[in-house]
Amino acid sequence: MNIDVRSVHFDLSEESRQYLATRAERIGYAKDMIVDLLFVFTKDSKNYKLEVTANFRWGVQAHLQETSFEVNPGIDLLMDKLDQKISKEKQKVQERK
């Protein structure tokens, strides 16, 4: 699983990158299902727009986004959404078998 992190209109601190890496360990169970994760963090005037695109091994692409006033709480919310999406996709694949 490849993880790519980009920030737009600001520099993402090393602390936030480390926080994202530790939160990504939580979805380690999905390493064999996900080809890559593309994170894009954009700073607007008052808040942050956090987006992730997950490319699954079977060709499905999931795009999730979250808006937050701070980066780290936004990462928490985004990773919760991603965890739920992975569970749904895993369940769909198991139902097809």
PDB file of N, CA and C in Angstrom:
ATOM      1  N   MET A   1       0.854  -1.175   0.000  1.00  0.00           N
ATOM      2  CA  MET A   1       0.000   0.000   0.000  1.00  0.00           C
ATOM      3  C   MET A   1       0.897   1.235   0.000  1.00  0.00           C
ATOM      4  N   ASN A   2       0.762   2.038  -1.031  1.00  0.00           N
ATOM      5  CA  ASN A   2       1.516   3.284  -1.142  1.00  0.00           C
ATOM      6  C   ASN A   2       0.682   4.427  -0.575  1.00  0.00           C
ATOM      7  N   ILE A   3       1.331   5.308   0.162  1.00  0.00           N
ATOM      8  CA  ILE A   3       0.648   6.469   0.731  1.00  0.00           C
ATOM      9  C   ILE A   3       1.336   7.726   0.217  1.00  0.00           C
ATOM     10  N   ASP A   4       0.556   8.608  -0.406  1.00  0.00           N
ATOM     11  CA  ASP A   4       1.064   9.872  -0.932  1.00  0.00           C
ATOM     12  C   ASP A   4       0.316  11.008  -0.240  1.00  0.00           C
ATOM     13  N   VAL A   5       1.064  11.969   0.306  1.00  0.00           N
ATOM     14  CA  VAL A   5       0.461  13.087   1.037  1.00  0.00           C
ATOM     15  C   VAL A   5       0.870  14.391   0.357  1.00  0.00           C
ATOM     16  N   ARG A   6      -0.126  15.209   0.034  1.00  0.00           N
ATOM     17  CA  ARG A   6       0.134  16.518  -0.573  1.00  0.00           C
ATOM     18  C   ARG A   6      -0.610  17.584   0.211  1.00  0.00           C
ATOM     19  N   SER A   7       0.007  18.741   0.317  1.00  0.00           N
ATOM     20  CA  SER A   7      -0.661  19.870   0.970  1.00  0.00           C
ATOM     21  C   SER A   7      -0.697  21.038  -0.014  1.00  0.00           C
ATOM     22  N   VAL A   8      -1.831  21.739  -0.023  1.00  0.00           N
ATOM     23  CA  VAL A   8      -2.045  22.851  -0.945  1.00  0.00           C
ATOM     24  C   VAL A   8      -2.260  24.119  -0.123  1.00  0.00           C
ATOM     25  N   HIS A   9      -1.550  25.182  -0.451  1.00  0.00           N
ATOM     26  CA  HIS A   9      -1.641  26.497   0.191  1.00  0.00           C
ATOM     27  C   HIS A   9      -1.056  26.536   1.603  1.00  0.00           C
ATOM     28  N   PHE A  10      -0.345  25.505   2.021  1.00  0.00           N
ATOM     29  CA  PHE A  10       0.356  25.510   3.300  1.00  0.00           C
ATOM     30  C   PHE A  10       1.323  24.336   3.321  1.00  0.00           C
ATOM     31  N   ASP A  11       2.258  24.366   4.261  1.00  0.00           N
ATOM     32  CA  ASP A  11       3.195  23.262   4.443  1.00  0.00           C
ATOM     33  C   ASP A  11       2.721  22.414   5.608  1.00  0.00           C
ATOM     34  N   LEU A  12       2.480  21.147   5.355  1.00  0.00           N
ATOM     35  CA  LEU A  12       2.051  20.224   6.397  1.00  0.00           C
ATOM     36  C   LEU A  12       3.242  19.929   7.300  1.00  0.00           C
ATOM     37  N   SER A  13       3.071  20.124   8.588  1.00  0.00           N
ATOM     38  CA  SER A  13       4.175  19.939   9.527  1.00  0.00           C
ATOM     39  C   SER A  13       4.556  18.466   9.629  1.00  0.00           C
ATOM     40  N   GLU A  14       5.776  18.235  10.036  1.00  0.00           N
ATOM     41  CA  GLU A  14       6.257  16.867  10.221  1.00  0.00           C
ATOM     42  C   GLU A  14       5.451  16.162  11.306  1.00  0.00           C
ATOM     43  N   GLU A  15       5.032  16.907  12.310  1.00  0.00           N
ATOM     44  CA  GLU A  15       4.203  16.343  13.380  1.00  0.00           C
ATOM     45  C   GLU A  15       2.878  15.817  12.825  1.00  0.00           C
ATOM     46  N   SER A  16       2.261  16.571  11.936  1.00  0.00           N
ATOM     47  CA  SER A  16       0.998  16.137  11.328  1.00  0.00           C
ATOM     48  C   SER A  16       1.210  14.943  10.406  1.00  0.00           C
ATOM     49  N   ARG A  17       2.341  14.915   9.712  1.00  0.00           N
ATOM     50  CA  ARG A  17       2.651  13.758   8.860  1.00  0.00           C
ATOM     51  C   ARG A  17       2.824  12.498   9.709  1.00  0.00           C
ATOM     52  N   GLN A  18       3.502  12.639  10.843  1.00  0.00           N
ATOM     53  CA  GLN A  18       3.675  11.499  11.749  1.00  0.00           C
ATOM     54  C   GLN A  18       2.335  11.055  12.319  1.00  0.00           C
ATOM     55  N   TYR A  19       1.488  12.017  12.649  1.00  0.00           N
ATOM     56  CA  TYR A  19       0.160  11.703  13.177  1.00  0.00           C
ATOM     57  C   TYR A  19      -0.647  10.929  12.137  1.00  0.00           C
ATOM     58  N   LEU A  20      -0.562  11.353  10.883  1.00  0.00           N
ATOM     59  CA  LEU A  20      -1.252  10.653   9.806  1.00  0.00           C
ATOM     60  C   LEU A  20      -0.713   9.232   9.659  1.00  0.00           C
ATOM     61  N   ALA A  21       0.592   9.073   9.765  1.00  0.00           N
ATOM     62  CA  ALA A  21       1.189   7.741   9.645  1.00  0.00           C
ATOM     63  C   ALA A  21       0.715   6.813  10.760  1.00  0.00           C
ATOM     64  N   THR A  22       0.623   7.334  11.980  1.00  0.00           N
ATOM     65  CA  THR A  22       0.155   6.490  13.085  1.00  0.00           C
ATOM     66  C   THR A  22      -1.323   6.149  12.922  1.00  0.00           C
ATOM     67  N   ARG A  23      -2.106   7.090  12.412  1.00  0.00           N
ATOM     68  CA  ARG A  23      -3.531   6.815  12.178  1.00  0.00           C
ATOM     69  C   ARG A  23      -3.705   5.831  11.014  1.00  0.00           C
ATOM     70  N   ALA A  24      -2.809   5.874  10.041  1.00  0.00           N
ATOM     71  CA  ALA A  24      -2.884   4.952   8.902  1.00  0.00           C
ATOM     72  C   ALA A  24      -2.552   3.525   9.323  1.00  0.00           C
ATOM     73  N   GLU A  25      -1.794   3.365  10.395  1.00  0.00           N
ATOM     74  CA  GLU A  25      -1.502   2.023  10.899  1.00  0.00           C
ATOM     75  C   GLU A  25      -2.779   1.318  11.335  1.00  0.00           C
ATOM     76  N   ARG A  26      -3.781   2.086  11.705  1.00  0.00           N
ATOM     77  CA  ARG A  26      -5.059   1.529  12.150  1.00  0.00           C
ATOM     78  C   ARG A  26      -5.756   0.748  11.032  1.00  0.00           C
ATOM     79  N   ILE A  27      -5.514   1.139   9.790  1.00  0.00           N
ATOM     80  CA  ILE A  27      -6.110   0.417   8.670  1.00  0.00           C
ATOM     81  C   ILE A  27      -5.103  -0.545   8.046  1.00  0.00           C
ATOM     82  N   GLY A  28      -4.128  -0.953   8.807  1.00  0.00           N
ATOM     83  CA  GLY A  28      -3.121  -1.894   8.326  1.00  0.00           C
ATOM     84  C   GLY A  28      -3.700  -3.224   7.891  1.00  0.00           C
ATOM     85  N   TYR A  29      -4.845  -3.581   8.433  1.00  0.00           N
ATOM     86  CA  TYR A  29      -5.494  -4.835   8.045  1.00  0.00           C
ATOM     87  C   TYR A  29      -5.894  -4.839   6.571  1.00  0.00           C
ATOM     88  N   ALA A  30      -5.946  -3.683   5.945  1.00  0.00           N
ATOM     89  CA  ALA A  30      -6.400  -3.568   4.557  1.00  0.00           C
ATOM     90  C   ALA A  30      -5.242  -3.442   3.569  1.00  0.00           C
ATOM     91  N   LYS A  31      -4.024  -3.723   3.992  1.00  0.00           N
ATOM     92  CA  LYS A  31      -2.871  -3.570   3.100  1.00  0.00           C
ATOM     93  C   LYS A  31      -3.006  -4.388   1.826  1.00  0.00           C
ATOM     94  N   ASP A  32      -3.586  -5.579   1.934  1.00  0.00           N
ATOM     95  CA  ASP A  32      -3.719  -6.425   0.753  1.00  0.00           C
ATOM     96  C   ASP A  32      -4.892  -6.014  -0.135  1.00  0.00           C
ATOM     97  N   MET A  33      -5.773  -5.151   0.344  1.00  0.00           N
ATOM     98  CA  MET A  33      -6.937  -4.720  -0.436  1.00  0.00           C
ATOM     99  C   MET A  33      -6.716  -3.391  -1.147  1.00  0.00           C
ATOM    100  N   ILE A  34      -5.868  -2.534  -0.596  1.00  0.00           N
ATOM    101  CA  ILE A  34      -5.683  -1.182  -1.129  1.00  0.00           C
ATOM    102  C   ILE A  34      -4.347  -1.090  -1.859  1.00  0.00           C
ATOM    103  N   VAL A  35      -4.394  -0.565  -3.079  1.00  0.00           N
ATOM    104  CA  VAL A  35      -3.175  -0.361  -3.854  1.00  0.00           C
ATOM    105  C   VAL A  35      -2.461   0.890  -3.363  1.00  0.00           C
ATOM    106  N   ASP A  36      -3.195   2.012  -3.290  1.00  0.00           N
ATOM    107  CA  ASP A  36      -2.589   3.242  -2.793  1.00  0.00           C
ATOM    108  C   ASP A  36      -3.631   4.183  -2.202  1.00  0.00           C
ATOM    109  N   LEU A  37      -3.134   5.065  -1.341  1.00  0.00           N
ATOM    110  CA  LEU A  37      -3.939   6.111  -0.711  1.00  0.00           C
ATOM    111  C   LEU A  37      -3.326   7.451  -1.090  1.00  0.00           C
ATOM    112  N   LEU A  38      -4.138   8.346  -1.614  1.00  0.00           N
ATOM    113  CA  LEU A  38      -3.670   9.669  -2.008  1.00  0.00           C
ATOM    114  C   LEU A  38      -4.369  10.704  -1.137  1.00  0.00           C
ATOM    115  N   PHE A  39      -3.621  11.345  -0.251  1.00  0.00           N
ATOM    116  CA  PHE A  39      -4.162  12.362   0.641  1.00  0.00           C
ATOM    117  C   PHE A  39      -3.857  13.739   0.075  1.00  0.00           C
ATOM    118  N   VAL A  40      -4.863  14.620   0.066  1.00  0.00           N
ATOM    119  CA  VAL A  40      -4.680  16.017  -0.344  1.00  0.00           C
ATOM    120  C   VAL A  40      -5.293  16.887   0.740  1.00  0.00           C
ATOM    121  N   PHE A  41      -4.466  17.722   1.359  1.00  0.00           N
ATOM    122  CA  PHE A  41      -4.910  18.636   2.410  1.00  0.00           C
ATOM    123  C   PHE A  41      -4.834  20.049   1.854  1.00  0.00           C
ATOM    124  N   THR A  42      -5.972  20.751   1.854  1.00  0.00           N
ATOM    125  CA  THR A  42      -6.049  22.103   1.302  1.00  0.00           C
ATOM    126  C   THR A  42      -6.440  23.080   2.397  1.00  0.00           C
ATOM    127  N   LYS A  43      -5.720  24.188   2.493  1.00  0.00           N
ATOM    128  CA  LYS A  43      -6.029  25.230   3.476  1.00  0.00           C
ATOM    129  C   LYS A  43      -6.857  26.304   2.801  1.00  0.00           C
ATOM    130  N   ASP A  44      -8.058  26.522   3.323  1.00  0.00           N
ATOM    131  CA  ASP A  44      -8.900  27.623   2.877  1.00  0.00           C
ATOM    132  C   ASP A  44      -8.682  28.785   3.831  1.00  0.00           C
ATOM    133  N   SER A  45      -9.511  29.791   3.749  1.00  0.00           N
ATOM    134  CA  SER A  45      -9.320  30.968   4.595  1.00  0.00           C
ATOM    135  C   SER A  45      -9.461  30.646   6.080  1.00  0.00           C
ATOM    136  N   LYS A  46     -10.422  29.810   6.449  1.00  0.00           N
ATOM    137  CA  LYS A  46     -10.645  29.541   7.869  1.00  0.00           C
ATOM    138  C   LYS A  46     -10.487  28.081   8.260  1.00  0.00           C
ATOM    139  N   ASN A  47     -10.552  27.171   7.307  1.00  0.00           N
ATOM    140  CA  ASN A  47     -10.505  25.768   7.682  1.00  0.00           C
ATOM    141  C   ASN A  47      -9.699  24.954   6.681  1.00  0.00           C
ATOM    142  N   TYR A  48      -9.609  23.670   6.962  1.00  0.00           N
ATOM    143  CA  TYR A  48      -8.859  22.742   6.129  1.00  0.00           C
ATOM    144  C   TYR A  48      -9.825  21.775   5.460  1.00  0.00           C
ATOM    145  N   LYS A  49      -9.565  21.497   4.207  1.00  0.00           N
ATOM    146  CA  LYS A  49     -10.328  20.493   3.478  1.00  0.00           C
ATOM    147  C   LYS A  49      -9.394  19.301   3.295  1.00  0.00           C
ATOM    148  N   LEU A  50      -9.776  18.174   3.878  1.00  0.00           N
ATOM    149  CA  LEU A  50      -8.952  16.974   3.839  1.00  0.00           C
ATOM    150  C   LEU A  50      -9.632  15.952   2.933  1.00  0.00           C
ATOM    151  N   GLU A  51      -8.884  15.440   1.975  1.00  0.00           N
ATOM    152  CA  GLU A  51      -9.434  14.484   1.021  1.00  0.00           C
ATOM    153  C   GLU A  51      -8.524  13.270   0.921  1.00  0.00           C
ATOM    154  N   VAL A  52      -9.128  12.121   0.669  1.00  0.00           N
ATOM    155  CA  VAL A  52      -8.356  10.908   0.421  1.00  0.00           C
ATOM    156  C   VAL A  52      -9.018  10.146  -0.721  1.00  0.00           C
ATOM    157  N   THR A  53      -8.182   9.616  -1.591  1.00  0.00           N
ATOM    158  CA  THR A  53      -8.641   8.737  -2.657  1.00  0.00           C
ATOM    159  C   THR A  53      -7.979   7.389  -2.433  1.00  0.00           C
ATOM    160  N   ALA A  54      -8.801   6.359  -2.280  1.00  0.00           N
ATOM    161  CA  ALA A  54      -8.306   5.001  -2.063  1.00  0.00           C
ATOM    162  C   ALA A  54      -8.565   4.190  -3.322  1.00  0.00           C
ATOM    163  N   ASN A  55      -7.517   3.596  -3.855  1.00  0.00           N
ATOM    164  CA  ASN A  55      -7.639   2.728  -5.025  1.00  0.00           C
ATOM    165  C   ASN A  55      -7.549   1.283  -4.555  1.00  0.00           C
ATOM    166  N   PHE A  56      -8.652   0.559  -4.717  1.00  0.00           N
ATOM    167  CA  PHE A  56      -8.706  -0.826  -4.268  1.00  0.00           C
ATOM    168  C   PHE A  56      -8.158  -1.756  -5.343  1.00  0.00           C
ATOM    169  N   ARG A  57      -7.718  -2.908  -4.908  1.00  0.00           N
ATOM    170  CA  ARG A  57      -7.086  -3.893  -5.780  1.00  0.00           C
ATOM    171  C   ARG A  57      -8.022  -4.352  -6.897  1.00  0.00           C
ATOM    172  N   TRP A  58      -9.318  -4.394  -6.649  1.00  0.00           N
ATOM    173  CA  TRP A  58     -10.285  -4.892  -7.628  1.00  0.00           C
ATOM    174  C   TRP A  58     -10.837  -3.795  -8.534  1.00  0.00           C
ATOM    175  N   GLY A  59     -10.200  -2.624  -8.554  1.00  0.00           N
ATOM    176  CA  GLY A  59     -10.546  -1.584  -9.513  1.00  0.00           C
ATOM    177  C   GLY A  59     -11.491  -0.507  -9.026  1.00  0.00           C
ATOM    178  N   VAL A  60     -11.942  -0.592  -7.804  1.00  0.00           N
ATOM    179  CA  VAL A  60     -12.850   0.414  -7.259  1.00  0.00           C
ATOM    180  C   VAL A  60     -12.029   1.571  -6.697  1.00  0.00           C
ATOM    181  N   GLN A  61     -12.516   2.778  -6.932  1.00  0.00           N
ATOM    182  CA  GLN A  61     -11.862   3.966  -6.401  1.00  0.00           C
ATOM    183  C   GLN A  61     -12.841   4.675  -5.476  1.00  0.00           C
ATOM    184  N   ALA A  62     -12.398   4.973  -4.256  1.00  0.00           N
ATOM    185  CA  ALA A  62     -13.251   5.657  -3.281  1.00  0.00           C
ATOM    186  C   ALA A  62     -12.634   7.011  -2.969  1.00  0.00           C
ATOM    187  N   HIS A  63     -13.460   8.046  -3.006  1.00  0.00           N
ATOM    188  CA  HIS A  63     -13.005   9.400  -2.692  1.00  0.00           C
ATOM    189  C   HIS A  63     -13.805   9.903  -1.496  1.00  0.00           C
ATOM    190  N   LEU A  64     -13.097  10.277  -0.435  1.00  0.00           N
ATOM    191  CA  LEU A  64     -13.731  10.760   0.789  1.00  0.00           C
ATOM    192  C   LEU A  64     -13.154  12.122   1.130  1.00  0.00           C
ATOM    193  N   GLN A  65     -13.977  12.971   1.759  1.00  0.00           N
ATOM    194  CA  GLN A  65     -13.461  14.275   2.177  1.00  0.00           C
ATOM    195  C   GLN A  65     -14.071  14.693   3.500  1.00  0.00           C
ATOM    196  N   GLU A  66     -13.348  15.560   4.174  1.00  0.00           N
ATOM    197  CA  GLU A  66     -13.755  16.077   5.479  1.00  0.00           C
ATOM    198  C   GLU A  66     -13.278  17.522   5.565  1.00  0.00           C
ATOM    199  N   THR A  67     -14.032  18.351   6.266  1.00  0.00           N
ATOM    200  CA  THR A  67     -13.647  19.741   6.501  1.00  0.00           C
ATOM    201  C   THR A  67     -13.510  19.943   7.999  1.00  0.00           C
ATOM    202  N   SER A  68     -12.410  20.609   8.406  1.00  0.00           N
ATOM    203  CA  SER A  68     -12.149  20.795   9.826  1.00  0.00           C
ATOM    204  C   SER A  68     -11.384  22.098  10.039  1.00  0.00           C
ATOM    205  N   PHE A  69     -11.503  22.647  11.246  1.00  0.00           N
ATOM    206  CA  PHE A  69     -10.767  23.867  11.582  1.00  0.00           C
ATOM    207  C   PHE A  69      -9.304  23.585  11.893  1.00  0.00           C
ATOM    208  N   GLU A  70      -8.995  22.344  12.282  1.00  0.00           N
ATOM    209  CA  GLU A  70      -7.625  21.950  12.580  1.00  0.00           C
ATOM    210  C   GLU A  70      -7.297  20.673  11.821  1.00  0.00           C
ATOM    211  N   VAL A  71      -6.016  20.455  11.548  1.00  0.00           N
ATOM    212  CA  VAL A  71      -5.607  19.322  10.722  1.00  0.00           C
ATOM    213  C   VAL A  71      -5.788  17.992  11.456  1.00  0.00           C
ATOM    214  N   ASN A  72      -5.242  17.865  12.656  1.00  0.00           N
ATOM    215  CA  ASN A  72      -5.255  16.566  13.334  1.00  0.00           C
ATOM    216  C   ASN A  72      -6.655  16.048  13.644  1.00  0.00           C
ATOM    217  N   PRO A  73      -7.576  16.853  14.168  1.00  0.00           N
ATOM    218  CA  PRO A  73      -8.948  16.336  14.339  1.00  0.00           C
ATOM    219  C   PRO A  73      -9.596  15.967  12.999  1.00  0.00           C
ATOM    220  N   GLY A  74      -9.255  16.691  11.956  1.00  0.00           N
ATOM    221  CA  GLY A  74      -9.758  16.357  10.624  1.00  0.00           C
ATOM    222  C   GLY A  74      -9.219  15.023  10.135  1.00  0.00           C
ATOM    223  N   ILE A  75      -7.948  14.752  10.450  1.00  0.00           N
ATOM    224  CA  ILE A  75      -7.358  13.459  10.096  1.00  0.00           C
ATOM    225  C   ILE A  75      -8.109  12.336  10.802  1.00  0.00           C
ATOM    226  N   ASP A  76      -8.442  12.550  12.083  1.00  0.00           N
ATOM    227  CA  ASP A  76      -9.207  11.540  12.829  1.00  0.00           C
ATOM    228  C   ASP A  76     -10.532  11.239  12.141  1.00  0.00           C
ATOM    229  N   LEU A  77     -11.269  12.280  11.790  1.00  0.00           N
ATOM    230  CA  LEU A  77     -12.572  12.100  11.149  1.00  0.00           C
ATOM    231  C   LEU A  77     -12.432  11.428   9.784  1.00  0.00           C
ATOM    232  N   LEU A  78     -11.427  11.834   9.023  1.00  0.00           N
ATOM    233  CA  LEU A  78     -11.211  11.265   7.699  1.00  0.00           C
ATOM    234  C   LEU A  78     -10.840   9.785   7.790  1.00  0.00           C
ATOM    235  N   MET A  79      -9.994   9.434   8.738  1.00  0.00           N
ATOM    236  CA  MET A  79      -9.591   8.040   8.890  1.00  0.00           C
ATOM    237  C   MET A  79     -10.752   7.180   9.373  1.00  0.00           C
ATOM    238  N   ASP A  80     -11.645   7.737  10.192  1.00  0.00           N
ATOM    239  CA  ASP A  80     -12.848   7.004  10.602  1.00  0.00           C
ATOM    240  C   ASP A  80     -13.722   6.698   9.386  1.00  0.00           C
ATOM    241  N   LYS A  81     -13.901   7.696   8.523  1.00  0.00           N
ATOM    242  CA  LYS A  81     -14.686   7.495   7.302  1.00  0.00           C
ATOM    243  C   LYS A  81     -14.030   6.449   6.402  1.00  0.00           C
ATOM    244  N   LEU A  82     -12.702   6.529   6.283  1.00  0.00           N
ATOM    245  CA  LEU A  82     -11.976   5.586   5.438  1.00  0.00           C
ATOM    246  C   LEU A  82     -12.104   4.166   5.978  1.00  0.00           C
ATOM    247  N   ASP A  83     -12.028   4.014   7.282  1.00  0.00           N
ATOM    248  CA  ASP A  83     -12.174   2.703   7.913  1.00  0.00           C
ATOM    249  C   ASP A  83     -13.552   2.113   7.605  1.00  0.00           C
ATOM    250  N   GLN A  84     -14.583   2.927   7.693  1.00  0.00           N
ATOM    251  CA  GLN A  84     -15.939   2.468   7.374  1.00  0.00           C
ATOM    252  C   GLN A  84     -16.060   2.085   5.901  1.00  0.00           C
ATOM    253  N   LYS A  85     -15.461   2.868   5.021  1.00  0.00           N
ATOM    254  CA  LYS A  85     -15.525   2.587   3.585  1.00  0.00           C
ATOM    255  C   LYS A  85     -14.804   1.286   3.255  1.00  0.00           C
ATOM    256  N   ILE A  86     -13.665   1.054   3.888  1.00  0.00           N
ATOM    257  CA  ILE A  86     -12.930  -0.191   3.662  1.00  0.00           C
ATOM    258  C   ILE A  86     -13.775  -1.381   4.098  1.00  0.00           C
ATOM    259  N   SER A  87     -14.433  -1.259   5.238  1.00  0.00           N
ATOM    260  CA  SER A  87     -15.292  -2.343   5.727  1.00  0.00           C
ATOM    261  C   SER A  87     -16.431  -2.624   4.752  1.00  0.00           C
ATOM    262  N   LYS A  88     -17.047  -1.566   4.220  1.00  0.00           N
ATOM    263  CA  LYS A  88     -18.141  -1.739   3.260  1.00  0.00           C
ATOM    264  C   LYS A  88     -17.655  -2.422   1.986  1.00  0.00           C
ATOM    265  N   GLU A  89     -16.509  -1.972   1.465  1.00  0.00           N
ATOM    266  CA  GLU A  89     -15.975  -2.562   0.239  1.00  0.00           C
ATOM    267  C   GLU A  89     -15.583  -4.017   0.458  1.00  0.00           C
ATOM    268  N   LYS A  90     -15.006  -4.306   1.605  1.00  0.00           N
ATOM    269  CA  LYS A  90     -14.623  -5.680   1.927  1.00  0.00           C
ATOM    270  C   LYS A  90     -15.862  -6.569   1.985  1.00  0.00           C
ATOM    271  N   GLN A  91     -16.922  -6.061   2.581  1.00  0.00           N
ATOM    272  CA  GLN A  91     -18.166  -6.814   2.684  1.00  0.00           C
ATOM    273  C   GLN A  91     -18.780  -7.048   1.297  1.00  0.00           C
ATOM    274  N   LYS A  92     -18.734  -6.040   0.431  1.00  0.00           N
ATOM    275  CA  LYS A  92     -19.262  -6.186  -0.927  1.00  0.00           C
ATOM    276  C   LYS A  92     -18.521  -7.283  -1.690  1.00  0.00           C
ATOM    277  N   VAL A  93     -17.202  -7.301  -1.560  1.00  0.00           N
ATOM    278  CA  VAL A  93     -16.394  -8.292  -2.267  1.00  0.00           C
ATOM    279  C   VAL A  93     -16.692  -9.687  -1.733  1.00  0.00           C
ATOM    280  N   GLN A  94     -16.847  -9.822  -0.431  1.00  0.00           N
ATOM    281  CA  GLN A  94     -17.140 -11.129   0.154  1.00  0.00           C
ATOM    282  C   GLN A  94     -18.522 -11.620  -0.258  1.00  0.00           C
ATOM    283  N   GLU A  95     -19.481 -10.709  -0.429  1.00  0.00           N
ATOM    284  CA  GLU A  95     -20.823 -11.100  -0.860  1.00  0.00           C
ATOM    285  C   GLU A  95     -20.833 -11.580  -2.304  1.00  0.00           C
ATOM    286  N   ARG A  96     -19.949 -11.081  -3.131  1.00  0.00           N
ATOM    287  CA  ARG A  96     -19.892 -11.472  -4.539  1.00  0.00           C
ATOM    288  C   ARG A  96     -19.311 -12.864  -4.730  1.00  0.00           C
ATOM    289  N   LYS A  97     -18.532 -13.325  -3.765  1.00  0.00           N
ATOM    290  CA  LYS A  97     -17.869 -14.631  -3.904  1.00  0.00           C
ATOM    291  C   LYS A  97     -18.833 -15.767  -3.771  1.00  0.00           C
TER     292      LYS A  97
END
